[in-house]
C-alpha atoms as a PDB file:
ATOM      1  CA  UNK A   1     -74.134  37.013   9.076  1.00  0.00           C
ATOM      2  CA  UNK A   2     -70.631  36.934   7.102  1.00  0.00           C
ATOM      3  CA  UNK A   3     -68.269  39.922   6.175  1.00  0.00           C
ATOM      4  CA  UNK A   4     -65.316  40.372   4.022  1.00  0.00           C
ATOM      5  CA  UNK A   5     -62.243  41.054   6.874  1.00  0.00           C
ATOM      6  CA  UNK A   6     -60.982  43.728   4.664  1.00  0.00           C
ATOM      7  CA  UNK A   7     -64.305  45.744   3.661  1.00  0.00           C
ATOM      8  CA  UNK A   8     -67.113  44.955   5.840  1.00  0.00           C
ATOM      9  CA  UNK A   9     -68.805  43.418   2.601  1.00  0.00           C
ATOM     10  CA  UNK A  10     -71.785  40.864   3.516  1.00  0.00           C
ATOM     11  CA  UNK A  11     -70.720  37.200   2.598  1.00  0.00           C
ATOM     12  CA  UNK A  12     -72.948  34.347   1.592  1.00  0.00           C
ATOM     13  CA  UNK A  13     -70.180  32.182   3.547  1.00  0.00           C
ATOM     14  CA  UNK A  14     -67.174  33.169   5.906  1.00  0.00           C
ATOM     15  CA  UNK A  15     -64.198  31.442   3.319  1.00  0.00           C
ATOM     16  CA  UNK A  16     -65.575  33.410  -0.036  1.00  0.00           C
ATOM     17  CA  UNK A  17     -63.383  35.257  -1.709  1.00  0.00           C
ATOM     18  CA  UNK A  18     -64.548  39.219  -1.673  1.00  0.00           C
ATOM     19  CA  UNK A  19     -65.256  40.088  -5.376  1.00  0.00           C
ATOM     20  CA  UNK A  20     -65.836  43.701  -4.359  1.00  0.00           C
ATOM     21  CA  UNK A  21     -62.163  44.445  -3.128  1.00  0.00           C
ATOM     22  CA  UNK A  22     -60.428  41.329  -4.483  1.00  0.00           C
ATOM     23  CA  UNK A  23     -59.620  40.394  -0.782  1.00  0.00           C
ATOM     24  CA  UNK A  24     -59.256  36.167  -0.294  1.00  0.00           C
ATOM     25  CA  UNK A  25     -61.303  35.535   3.277  1.00  0.00           C
ATOM     26  CA  UNK A  26     -59.767  32.093   3.686  1.00  0.00           C
ATOM     27  CA  UNK A  27     -56.345  31.537   5.357  1.00  0.00           C
ATOM     28  CA  UNK A  28     -56.218  27.782   5.132  1.00  0.00           C
ATOM     29  CA  UNK A  29     -57.569  24.964   3.573  1.00  0.00           C
ATOM     30  CA  UNK A  30     -57.328  21.067   4.472  1.00  0.00           C
ATOM     31  CA  UNK A  31     -58.211  18.393   2.125  1.00  0.00           C
ATOM     32  CA  UNK A  32     -58.752  15.035   4.144  1.00  0.00           C
ATOM     33  CA  UNK A  33     -59.728  11.728   3.038  1.00  0.00           C
ATOM     34  CA  UNK A  34     -60.465   9.065   5.922  1.00  0.00           C
ATOM     35  CA  UNK A  35     -63.373   5.788   6.135  1.00  0.00           C
ATOM     36  CA  UNK A  36     -66.576   7.341   6.590  1.00  0.00           C
ATOM     37  CA  UNK A  37     -68.970   6.287   9.335  1.00  0.00           C
ATOM     38  CA  UNK A  38     -72.088   7.077   8.066  1.00  0.00           C
ATOM     39  CA  UNK A  39     -70.882   5.858   4.408  1.00  0.00           C
ATOM     40  CA  UNK A  40     -70.335   2.540   3.194  1.00  0.00           C
ATOM     41  CA  UNK A  41     -67.183   4.695   1.169  1.00  0.00           C
ATOM     42  CA  UNK A  42     -64.410   6.721   1.872  1.00  0.00           C
ATOM     43  CA  UNK A  43     -65.430  10.568   2.581  1.00  0.00           C
ATOM     44  CA  UNK A  44     -63.186  13.445   1.353  1.00  0.00           C
ATOM     45  CA  UNK A  45     -63.764  16.325   4.059  1.00  0.00           C
ATOM     46  CA  UNK A  46     -62.542  20.171   2.496  1.00  0.00           C
ATOM     47  CA  UNK A  47     -62.280  22.581   5.625  1.00  0.00           C
ATOM     48  CA  UNK A  48     -61.722  25.737   5.110  1.00  0.00           C
ATOM     49  CA  UNK A  49     -60.218  28.413   8.004  1.00  0.00           C
ATOM     50  CA  UNK A  50     -60.942  31.884   7.526  1.00  0.00           C
ATOM     51  CA  UNK A  51     -59.053  34.833   9.193  1.00  0.00           C
ATOM     52  CA  UNK A  52     -61.852  35.250  12.109  1.00  0.00           C
ATOM     53  CA  UNK A  53     -60.385  31.534  13.105  1.00  0.00           C
ATOM     54  CA  UNK A  54     -63.986  30.217  11.540  1.00  0.00           C
ATOM     55  CA  UNK A  55     -63.931  26.610  10.324  1.00  0.00           C
ATOM     56  CA  UNK A  56     -66.092  25.984   7.341  1.00  0.00           C
ATOM     57  CA  UNK A  57     -66.180  22.135   6.285  1.00  0.00           C
ATOM     58  CA  UNK A  58     -67.612  20.104   3.056  1.00  0.00           C
ATOM     59  CA  UNK A  59     -68.291  16.483   2.673  1.00  0.00           C
ATOM     60  CA  UNK A  60     -67.674  14.625  -0.397  1.00  0.00           C
ATOM     61  CA  UNK A  61     -68.691  10.706  -0.800  1.00  0.00           C
ATOM     62  CA  UNK A  62     -66.368   9.170  -2.574  1.00  0.00           C
ATOM     63  CA  UNK A  63     -66.902   5.829  -4.742  1.00  0.00           C
ATOM     64  CA  UNK A  64     -64.524   3.722  -6.183  1.00  0.00           C
ATOM     65  CA  UNK A  65     -65.641   4.180  -9.797  1.00  0.00           C
ATOM     66  CA  UNK A  66     -62.429   6.308 -11.949  1.00  0.00           C
ATOM     67  CA  UNK A  67     -65.421   8.781 -12.721  1.00  0.00           C
ATOM     68  CA  UNK A  68     -66.896   9.370  -9.355  1.00  0.00           C
ATOM     69  CA  UNK A  69     -63.193   9.943  -8.280  1.00  0.00           C
ATOM     70  CA  UNK A  70     -62.068  12.329 -11.016  1.00  0.00           C
ATOM     71  CA  UNK A  71     -65.686  14.205 -10.899  1.00  0.00           C
ATOM     72  CA  UNK A  72     -65.530  13.943  -7.278  1.00  0.00           C
ATOM     73  CA  UNK A  73     -62.076  16.143  -6.748  1.00  0.00           C
ATOM     74  CA  UNK A  74     -63.083  17.923  -9.996  1.00  0.00           C
ATOM     75  CA  UNK A  75     -65.572  19.575  -7.673  1.00  0.00           C
ATOM     76  CA  UNK A  76     -63.388  19.833  -4.840  1.00  0.00           C
ATOM     77  CA  UNK A  77     -60.943  21.454  -6.893  1.00  0.00           C
ATOM     78  CA  UNK A  78     -63.322  24.340  -8.106  1.00  0.00           C
ATOM     79  CA  UNK A  79     -64.385  25.035  -4.455  1.00  0.00           C
ATOM     80  CA  UNK A  80     -60.637  25.490  -3.853  1.00  0.00           C
ATOM     81  CA  UNK A  81     -60.366  27.743  -6.834  1.00  0.00           C
ATOM     82  CA  UNK A  82     -63.334  29.661  -5.842  1.00  0.00           C
ATOM     83  CA  UNK A  83     -61.432  30.736  -2.283  1.00  0.00           C
ATOM     84  CA  UNK A  84     -58.560  31.657  -4.305  1.00  0.00           C
ATOM     85  CA  UNK A  85     -56.303  30.145  -1.539  1.00  0.00           C
ATOM     86  CA  UNK A  86     -52.293  29.910  -1.930  1.00  0.00           C
ATOM     87  CA  UNK A  87     -51.795  26.664  -0.928  1.00  0.00           C
ATOM     88  CA  UNK A  88     -53.536  23.422  -0.023  1.00  0.00           C
ATOM     89  CA  UNK A  89     -52.849  20.639   3.006  1.00  0.00           C
ATOM     90  CA  UNK A  90     -53.713  17.302   1.722  1.00  0.00           C
ATOM     91  CA  UNK A  91     -53.733  14.517   4.557  1.00  0.00           C
ATOM     92  CA  UNK A  92     -55.888  11.266   5.695  1.00  0.00           C
ATOM     93  CA  UNK A  93     -56.371   8.997   8.293  1.00  0.00           C
ATOM     94  CA  UNK A  94     -53.310   6.879   7.562  1.00  0.00           C
ATOM     95  CA  UNK A  95     -50.679   6.691   5.469  1.00  0.00           C
ATOM     96  CA  UNK A  96     -51.984   5.083   2.199  1.00  0.00           C
ATOM     97  CA  UNK A  97     -55.053   7.491   2.429  1.00  0.00           C
ATOM     98  CA  UNK A  98     -52.845  10.761   3.120  1.00  0.00           C
ATOM     99  CA  UNK A  99     -50.321   9.767  -0.336  1.00  0.00           C
ATOM    100  CA  UNK A 100     -53.584   9.108  -2.588  1.00  0.00           C
ATOM    101  CA  UNK A 101     -55.413  12.116  -1.323  1.00  0.00           C
ATOM    102  CA  UNK A 102     -52.418  14.420  -1.799  1.00  0.00           C
ATOM    103  CA  UNK A 103     -51.913  12.749  -5.261  1.00  0.00           C
ATOM    104  CA  UNK A 104     -55.779  12.845  -6.520  1.00  0.00           C
ATOM    105  CA  UNK A 105     -56.106  16.736  -5.162  1.00  0.00           C
ATOM    106  CA  UNK A 106     -52.741  17.278  -7.510  1.00  0.00           C
ATOM    107  CA  UNK A 107     -53.793  15.300 -10.065  1.00  0.00           C
ATOM    108  CA  UNK A 108     -56.917  17.571 -10.875  1.00  0.00           C
ATOM    109  CA  UNK A 109     -56.020  20.867  -9.539  1.00  0.00           C
ATOM    110  CA  UNK A 110     -57.312  23.590 -11.795  1.00  0.00           C
ATOM    111  CA  UNK A 111     -54.465  26.230 -10.928  1.00  0.00           C
ATOM    112  CA  UNK A 112     -50.587  26.137 -10.488  1.00  0.00           C
ATOM    113  CA  UNK A 113     -51.846  25.678  -6.213  1.00  0.00           C
ATOM    114  CA  UNK A 114     -49.228  24.625  -4.064  1.00  0.00           C
ATOM    115  CA  UNK A 115     -50.246  21.056  -2.305  1.00  0.00           C
ATOM    116  CA  UNK A 116     -48.265  20.351   0.971  1.00  0.00           C
ATOM    117  CA  UNK A 117     -48.685  17.321   1.882  1.00  0.00           C
ATOM    118  CA  UNK A 118     -49.203  16.352   5.641  1.00  0.00           C
ATOM    119  CA  UNK A 119     -48.506  12.872   7.680  1.00  0.00           C
ATOM    120  CA  UNK A 120     -51.350  10.784   8.725  1.00  0.00           C
ATOM    121  CA  UNK A 121     -53.325  12.493  11.656  1.00  0.00           C
ATOM    122  CA  UNK A 122     -56.732  13.188  12.688  1.00  0.00           C
ATOM    123  CA  UNK A 123     -58.421  15.660  10.932  1.00  0.00           C
ATOM    124  CA  UNK A 124     -59.042  17.510  14.231  1.00  0.00           C
ATOM    125  CA  UNK A 125     -55.178  18.027  15.227  1.00  0.00           C
ATOM    126  CA  UNK A 126     -54.418  19.402  11.618  1.00  0.00           C
ATOM    127  CA  UNK A 127     -57.586  22.139  12.433  1.00  0.00           C
ATOM    128  CA  UNK A 128     -56.292  23.068  15.562  1.00  0.00           C
ATOM    129  CA  UNK A 129     -52.565  23.493  14.779  1.00  0.00           C
ATOM    130  CA  UNK A 130     -53.675  25.759  11.854  1.00  0.00           C
ATOM    131  CA  UNK A 131     -56.141  27.456  14.232  1.00  0.00           C
ATOM    132  CA  UNK A 132     -52.855  28.256  16.863  1.00  0.00           C
ATOM    133  CA  UNK A 133     -50.627  28.992  13.973  1.00  0.00           C
ATOM    134  CA  UNK A 134     -53.417  31.769  13.124  1.00  0.00           C
ATOM    135  CA  UNK A 135     -53.444  32.896  16.677  1.00  0.00           C
ATOM    136  CA  UNK A 136     -49.886  33.463  17.178  1.00  0.00           C
ATOM    137  CA  UNK A 137     -49.764  35.395  13.616  1.00  0.00           C
ATOM    138  CA  UNK A 138     -52.600  37.485  14.744  1.00  0.00           C
ATOM    139  CA  UNK A 139     -50.711  38.017  18.106  1.00  0.00           C
ATOM    140  CA  UNK A 140     -46.945  39.231  16.166  1.00  0.00           C
ATOM    141  CA  UNK A 141     -46.196  42.850  15.175  1.00  0.00           C
ATOM    142  CA  UNK A 142     -45.545  43.646  11.737  1.00  0.00           C
ATOM    143  CA  UNK A 143     -42.238  45.737  11.139  1.00  0.00           C
ATOM    144  CA  UNK A 144     -42.491  48.542   7.880  1.00  0.00           C
ATOM    145  CA  UNK A 145     -38.685  49.104   7.212  1.00  0.00           C
ATOM    146  CA  UNK A 146     -36.849  48.739   4.396  1.00  0.00           C
ATOM    147  CA  UNK A 147     -35.460  45.031   4.115  1.00  0.00           C
ATOM    148  CA  UNK A 148     -31.597  46.502   3.434  1.00  0.00           C
ATOM    149  CA  UNK A 149     -31.986  48.824   7.000  1.00  0.00           C
ATOM    150  CA  UNK A 150     -32.685  45.500   8.670  1.00  0.00           C
ATOM    151  CA  UNK A 151     -29.382  43.801   7.798  1.00  0.00           C
ATOM    152  CA  UNK A 152     -26.245  45.320  10.343  1.00  0.00           C
ATOM    153  CA  UNK A 153     -24.466  44.704  13.520  1.00  0.00           C
ATOM    154  CA  UNK A 154     -20.738  44.659  14.535  1.00  0.00           C
ATOM    155  CA  UNK A 155     -19.552  42.309  11.667  1.00  0.00           C
ATOM    156  CA  UNK A 156     -20.373  44.153   8.428  1.00  0.00           C
ATOM    157  CA  UNK A 157     -18.927  41.442   6.471  1.00  0.00           C
ATOM    158  CA  UNK A 158     -21.058  38.892   4.798  1.00  0.00           C
ATOM    159  CA  UNK A 159     -19.699  35.966   3.373  1.00  0.00           C
ATOM    160  CA  UNK A 160     -21.061  34.134  -0.375  1.00  0.00           C
ATOM    161  CA  UNK A 161     -20.619  38.101  -1.693  1.00  0.00           C
ATOM    162  CA  UNK A 162     -23.888  39.006  -3.413  1.00  0.00           C
ATOM    163  CA  UNK A 163     -25.418  34.926  -2.936  1.00  0.00           C
ATOM    164  CA  UNK A 164     -25.246  35.482   0.787  1.00  0.00           C
ATOM    165  CA  UNK A 165     -26.589  39.151   0.998  1.00  0.00           C
ATOM    166  CA  UNK A 166     -29.245  38.067  -0.987  1.00  0.00           C
ATOM    167  CA  UNK A 167     -30.321  35.246   1.128  1.00  0.00           C
ATOM    168  CA  UNK A 168     -30.058  37.837   4.240  1.00  0.00           C
ATOM    169  CA  UNK A 169     -32.340  40.486   2.131  1.00  0.00           C
ATOM    170  CA  UNK A 170     -35.078  37.702   1.569  1.00  0.00           C
ATOM    171  CA  UNK A 171     -35.285  37.081   5.176  1.00  0.00           C
ATOM    172  CA  UNK A 172     -35.706  40.418   6.067  1.00  0.00           C
ATOM    173  CA  UNK A 173     -38.556  41.183   3.612  1.00  0.00           C
ATOM    174  CA  UNK A 174     -40.494  39.460   6.720  1.00  0.00           C
ATOM    175  CA  UNK A 175     -42.792  41.952   8.336  1.00  0.00           C
ATOM    176  CA  UNK A 176     -42.002  39.919  11.227  1.00  0.00           C
ATOM    177  CA  UNK A 177     -38.260  40.721  11.143  1.00  0.00           C
ATOM    178  CA  UNK A 178     -37.177  43.582  13.298  1.00  0.00           C
ATOM    179  CA  UNK A 179     -33.411  43.432  12.599  1.00  0.00           C
ATOM    180  CA  UNK A 180     -30.228  40.675  11.236  1.00  0.00           C
ATOM    181  CA  UNK A 181     -27.124  40.575  12.536  1.00  0.00           C
ATOM    182  CA  UNK A 182     -24.185  39.128  11.019  1.00  0.00           C
ATOM    183  CA  UNK A 183     -21.827  36.984  13.481  1.00  0.00           C
ATOM    184  CA  UNK A 184     -18.628  36.054  13.491  1.00  0.00           C
ATOM    185  CA  UNK A 185     -17.231  33.906  10.664  1.00  0.00           C
ATOM    186  CA  UNK A 186     -15.247  30.650  11.172  1.00  0.00           C
ATOM    187  CA  UNK A 187     -13.589  27.751   9.256  1.00  0.00           C
ATOM    188  CA  UNK A 188     -15.206  24.733   8.843  1.00  0.00           C
ATOM    189  CA  UNK A 189     -12.061  22.955   7.733  1.00  0.00           C
ATOM    190  CA  UNK A 190     -13.921  21.004   4.792  1.00  0.00           C
ATOM    191  CA  UNK A 191     -16.239  22.078   2.659  1.00  0.00           C
ATOM    192  CA  UNK A 192     -19.513  20.848   2.329  1.00  0.00           C
ATOM    193  CA  UNK A 193     -20.218  21.446  -1.436  1.00  0.00           C
ATOM    194  CA  UNK A 194     -23.925  23.218  -2.380  1.00  0.00           C
ATOM    195  CA  UNK A 195     -23.358  26.677  -2.930  1.00  0.00           C
ATOM    196  CA  UNK A 196     -24.160  29.583  -0.557  1.00  0.00           C
ATOM    197  CA  UNK A 197     -26.870  28.387   1.862  1.00  0.00           C
ATOM    198  CA  UNK A 198     -28.724  29.634   4.588  1.00  0.00           C
ATOM    199  CA  UNK A 199     -29.609  27.412   7.431  1.00  0.00           C
ATOM    200  CA  UNK A 200     -32.275  28.817  10.231  1.00  0.00           C
ATOM    201  CA  UNK A 201     -31.224  26.051  12.813  1.00  0.00           C
ATOM    202  CA  UNK A 202     -33.514  26.968  16.179  1.00  0.00           C
ATOM    203  CA  UNK A 203     -35.609  29.758  17.783  1.00  0.00           C
ATOM    204  CA  UNK A 204     -34.599  30.733  21.387  1.00  0.00           C
ATOM    205  CA  UNK A 205     -36.873  31.636  24.073  1.00  0.00           C
ATOM    206  CA  UNK A 206     -36.776  35.435  23.442  1.00  0.00           C
ATOM    207  CA  UNK A 207     -38.836  34.417  19.577  1.00  0.00           C
ATOM    208  CA  UNK A 208     -35.188  35.467  18.054  1.00  0.00           C
ATOM    209  CA  UNK A 209     -33.861  32.899  15.580  1.00  0.00           C
ATOM    210  CA  UNK A 210     -30.280  31.522  15.180  1.00  0.00           C
ATOM    211  CA  UNK A 211     -28.771  30.552  12.108  1.00  0.00           C
ATOM    212  CA  UNK A 212     -25.884  29.923  10.185  1.00  0.00           C
ATOM    213  CA  UNK A 213     -24.280  31.127   6.767  1.00  0.00           C
ATOM    214  CA  UNK A 214     -22.563  28.961   4.898  1.00  0.00           C
ATOM    215  CA  UNK A 215     -19.871  29.446   1.847  1.00  0.00           C
ATOM    216  CA  UNK A 216     -17.809  26.232   1.423  1.00  0.00           C
ATOM    217  CA  UNK A 217     -15.341  26.088   4.234  1.00  0.00           C
ATOM    218  CA  UNK A 218     -16.398  29.422   6.051  1.00  0.00           C
ATOM    219  CA  UNK A 219     -19.660  29.683   8.350  1.00  0.00           C
ATOM    220  CA  UNK A 220     -21.094  32.865  10.123  1.00  0.00           C
ATOM    221  CA  UNK A 221     -23.639  33.240  12.361  1.00  0.00           C
ATOM    222  CA  UNK A 222     -26.770  35.268  11.869  1.00  0.00           C
ATOM    223  CA  UNK A 223     -28.980  36.047  14.602  1.00  0.00           C
ATOM    224  CA  UNK A 224     -32.696  37.094  13.291  1.00  0.00           C
ATOM    225  CA  UNK A 225     -34.239  39.389  16.004  1.00  0.00           C
ATOM    226  CA  UNK A 226     -38.050  39.318  15.600  1.00  0.00           C
ATOM    227  CA  UNK A 227     -41.201  40.893  16.852  1.00  0.00           C
ATOM    228  CA  UNK A 228     -41.854  37.306  18.352  1.00  0.00           C
ATOM    229  CA  UNK A 229     -42.328  36.918  22.555  1.00  0.00           C
ATOM    230  CA  UNK A 230     -41.245  33.538  23.078  1.00  0.00           C
ATOM    231  CA  UNK A 231     -39.864  29.959  21.640  1.00  0.00           C
ATOM    232  CA  UNK A 232     -43.168  29.091  19.822  1.00  0.00           C
ATOM    233  CA  UNK A 233     -44.007  32.400  18.546  1.00  0.00           C
ATOM    234  CA  UNK A 234     -40.274  32.674  16.882  1.00  0.00           C
ATOM    235  CA  UNK A 235     -40.773  28.713  15.492  1.00  0.00           C
ATOM    236  CA  UNK A 236     -43.806  29.834  13.513  1.00  0.00           C
ATOM    237  CA  UNK A 237     -41.666  33.070  12.014  1.00  0.00           C
ATOM    238  CA  UNK A 238     -38.791  30.717  11.292  1.00  0.00           C
ATOM    239  CA  UNK A 239     -40.868  28.648   9.183  1.00  0.00           C
ATOM    240  CA  UNK A 240     -42.377  31.110   7.911  1.00  0.00           C
ATOM    241  CA  UNK A 241     -38.512  32.587   6.988  1.00  0.00           C
ATOM    242  CA  UNK A 242     -37.761  28.975   6.192  1.00  0.00           C
ATOM    243  CA  UNK A 243     -40.741  28.549   3.387  1.00  0.00           C
ATOM    244  CA  UNK A 244     -39.393  32.208   1.444  1.00  0.00           C
ATOM    245  CA  UNK A 245     -35.954  30.738   1.492  1.00  0.00           C
ATOM    246  CA  UNK A 246     -37.371  27.637  -0.290  1.00  0.00           C
ATOM    247  CA  UNK A 247     -38.976  29.121  -2.928  1.00  0.00           C
ATOM    248  CA  UNK A 248     -35.906  31.288  -4.215  1.00  0.00           C
END
């Protein structure tokens, strides 16, 4: 029997959206296009991964006719919509199929869901990477501190004025961030343009993230202290933070 991760209510299938407590049980969704072994035409695999790490797969045979392609991807879009997932990874067995899968799902998607293209690779590799990401996320401790209380250090000045502080505040919203320490300010000599920017460059072996805040010719080092305990976990947090910054 499958149950909701939030309220424990019985579910018909593991990725089902719980209408009782309005909880999404599907953590990840993948749409993948490849040449089927049992069928003459291509096959689309729709994969949902739940919070508990359960993998739920649905296969769709794809015929070359336009009506068949549209009907198939509309059915896939409906299934995705019912799970209330926030984003979909689209890929395929080769470059052509990966691009086609992304374009077709984007075209027939029901809602304004984020469609994330992935380079061509095996479906098994994609699922394993997402399961690893899920395991890392479960291990990471969550911090309940107000974002403004996380920003501080020996250097209280933040370059970029309001925009600079806005970028640091966005990073501080993440529940995996314990503290943000602005560092020394240096001059670059020449301006790179592009306004005020925050680059998260890498994770160190302790799981903390190194970054630089850029404003014209000025550069300020930034250390983001996280709840991660190693470089792999830190890299996961860095990608989460980068996604938050990209959404600004």
